Amino acid sequence: MFNRSELMKAAHRYAQAYKGREWSYAKLISWGLKAAWKQAKEGLTPAQRRAESIKAEIDGLKYKSLRYDTVSVKRRLEAELSALAAWGRRTYATAPSSRSGTPRCSSGTTRVFSRKARY
């Protein structure tokens, strides 16, 4: 069903990321386990989660003030979204048993997607 070892590793990574603050390690592990179980039950891959967050960012751009240049940000996000979609089609169409979770370009180099929006 669910890989409990991976869930505990994810919870530990969460706790390590927030250690040194005012919360106890037990509380951080608890929050990490809740987050890990939520992600596991959703059943989404990291690429699918990133695609969903990009779509949410694009939807949120219409609420930004005119002070921000949303056209270039939207263009960049749409390009990243299309790259994720193309990578997903190419990966599942050509190599269904791919071991690597890292997107690769046609030249074989690793493509790195940014996680934060640059404004």
Protein backbone atom coordinates (compact mmCIF):
# COMPACT_ATOMS: atom_id res chain seq x y z
CA MET A 1 0.00 0.00 0.00
CA PHE A 2 2.10 2.95 1.25
CA ASN A 3 5.85 2.82 1.77
CA ARG A 4 6.08 3.66 5.48
CA SER A 5 9.85 3.94 5.33
CA GLU A 6 9.58 6.73 2.73
CA LEU A 7 6.90 8.45 4.80
CA MET A 8 9.14 8.46 7.87
CA LYS A 9 12.09 9.76 5.81
CA ALA A 10 9.92 12.59 4.49
CA ALA A 11 8.77 13.43 8.03
CA HIS A 12 12.37 13.42 9.26
CA ARG A 13 13.44 15.74 6.40
CA TYR A 14 10.59 18.07 7.38
CA ALA A 15 11.67 18.05 11.02
CA GLN A 16 15.32 18.65 10.09
CA ALA A 17 14.31 21.61 7.94
CA TYR A 18 12.57 23.31 10.88
CA LYS A 19 14.78 22.23 13.78
CA GLY A 20 16.35 24.85 16.00
CA ARG A 21 13.15 26.80 16.35
CA GLU A 22 10.79 26.99 19.27
CA TRP A 23 9.01 23.68 18.53
CA SER A 24 9.99 20.29 19.92
CA TYR A 25 11.28 17.57 17.62
CA ALA A 26 8.24 15.41 18.43
CA LYS A 27 5.90 18.19 17.29
CA LEU A 28 7.91 18.65 14.07
CA ILE A 29 7.83 14.91 13.35
CA SER A 30 4.07 14.96 13.94
CA TRP A 31 3.57 17.80 11.47
CA GLY A 32 5.95 16.13 9.01
CA LEU A 33 4.00 12.87 9.18
CA LYS A 34 0.74 14.70 8.56
CA ALA A 35 2.22 16.40 5.51
CA ALA A 36 3.78 13.16 4.21
CA TRP A 37 0.54 11.20 4.60
CA LYS A 38 -1.40 13.96 2.87
CA GLN A 39 0.98 13.89 -0.09
CA ALA A 40 0.93 10.08 -0.25
CA LYS A 41 -2.87 9.93 -0.20
CA GLU A 42 -3.13 12.49 -2.98
CA GLY A 43 -1.15 10.09 -5.13
CA LEU A 44 0.55 12.81 -7.15
CA THR A 45 4.11 12.67 -8.40
CA PRO A 46 6.43 15.61 -7.69
CA ALA A 47 6.08 16.73 -11.31
CA GLN A 48 2.29 16.71 -11.01
CA ARG A 49 2.46 18.67 -7.75
CA ARG A 50 4.75 21.22 -9.43
CA ALA A 51 2.37 21.50 -12.38
CA GLU A 52 -0.52 22.17 -10.00
CA SER A 53 1.45 24.86 -8.16
CA ILE A 54 2.40 26.51 -11.47
CA LYS A 55 -1.27 26.57 -12.51
CA ALA A 56 -2.15 28.15 -9.16
CA GLU A 57 0.59 30.76 -9.62
CA ILE A 58 -0.71 31.60 -13.10
CA ASP A 59 -4.25 31.96 -11.73
CA GLY A 60 -2.98 34.21 -8.94
CA LEU A 61 -1.24 36.56 -11.34
CA LYS A 62 -4.52 38.20 -12.36
CA TYR A 63 -4.89 39.52 -8.81
CA LYS A 64 -1.49 41.27 -8.80
CA SER A 65 -1.47 45.03 -9.08
CA LEU A 66 -0.36 46.73 -12.27
CA ARG A 67 2.86 47.57 -10.51
CA TYR A 68 4.17 44.09 -11.33
CA ASP A 69 5.11 42.89 -14.81
CA THR A 70 2.88 39.83 -14.85
CA VAL A 71 3.22 39.17 -18.59
CA SER A 72 6.84 38.04 -18.38
CA VAL A 73 6.18 36.00 -15.25
CA LYS A 74 3.17 34.35 -16.88
CA ARG A 75 5.22 33.59 -20.00
CA ARG A 76 7.97 32.00 -17.89
CA LEU A 77 5.48 29.93 -15.89
CA GLU A 78 3.69 28.75 -19.02
CA ALA A 79 7.02 27.74 -20.57
CA GLU A 80 7.90 25.77 -17.44
CA LEU A 81 4.46 24.15 -17.44
CA SER A 82 4.76 23.13 -21.09
CA ALA A 83 8.27 21.76 -20.40
CA LEU A 84 6.87 19.65 -17.55
CA ALA A 85 4.05 18.40 -19.76
CA ALA A 86 6.41 17.59 -22.63
CA TRP A 87 8.79 15.82 -20.27
CA GLY A 88 5.93 13.76 -18.86
CA ARG A 89 4.73 12.72 -22.32
CA ARG A 90 8.24 11.87 -23.49
CA THR A 91 9.07 9.93 -20.33
CA TYR A 92 5.93 7.81 -20.30
CA ALA A 93 5.83 7.32 -24.07
CA THR A 94 9.44 6.26 -24.54
CA ALA A 95 10.66 4.86 -21.25
CA PRO A 96 7.93 3.69 -18.85
CA SER A 97 10.48 2.08 -16.52
CA SER A 98 12.63 5.18 -16.14
CA ARG A 99 14.51 5.09 -12.83
CA SER A 100 15.52 8.70 -12.80
CA GLY A 101 13.03 11.25 -11.48
CA THR A 102 15.09 14.08 -12.95
CA PRO A 103 13.87 15.68 -16.16
CA ARG A 104 16.41 15.48 -18.97
CA CYS A 105 16.71 17.49 -22.16
CA SER A 106 17.06 15.83 -25.53
CA SER A 107 20.81 16.46 -25.30
CA GLY A 108 20.96 14.38 -22.11
CA THR A 109 21.72 17.26 -19.76
CA THR A 110 19.73 17.70 -16.58
CA ARG A 111 17.10 20.41 -16.66
CA VAL A 112 16.59 22.19 -13.34
CA PHE A 113 13.26 23.85 -12.64
CA SER A 114 13.19 26.72 -10.20
CA ARG A 115 10.88 26.31 -7.24
CA LYS A 116 10.45 30.00 -6.40
CA ALA A 117 8.89 32.61 -8.58
CA ARG A 118 11.23 35.42 -9.57
CA TYR A 119 9.59 38.83 -9.63
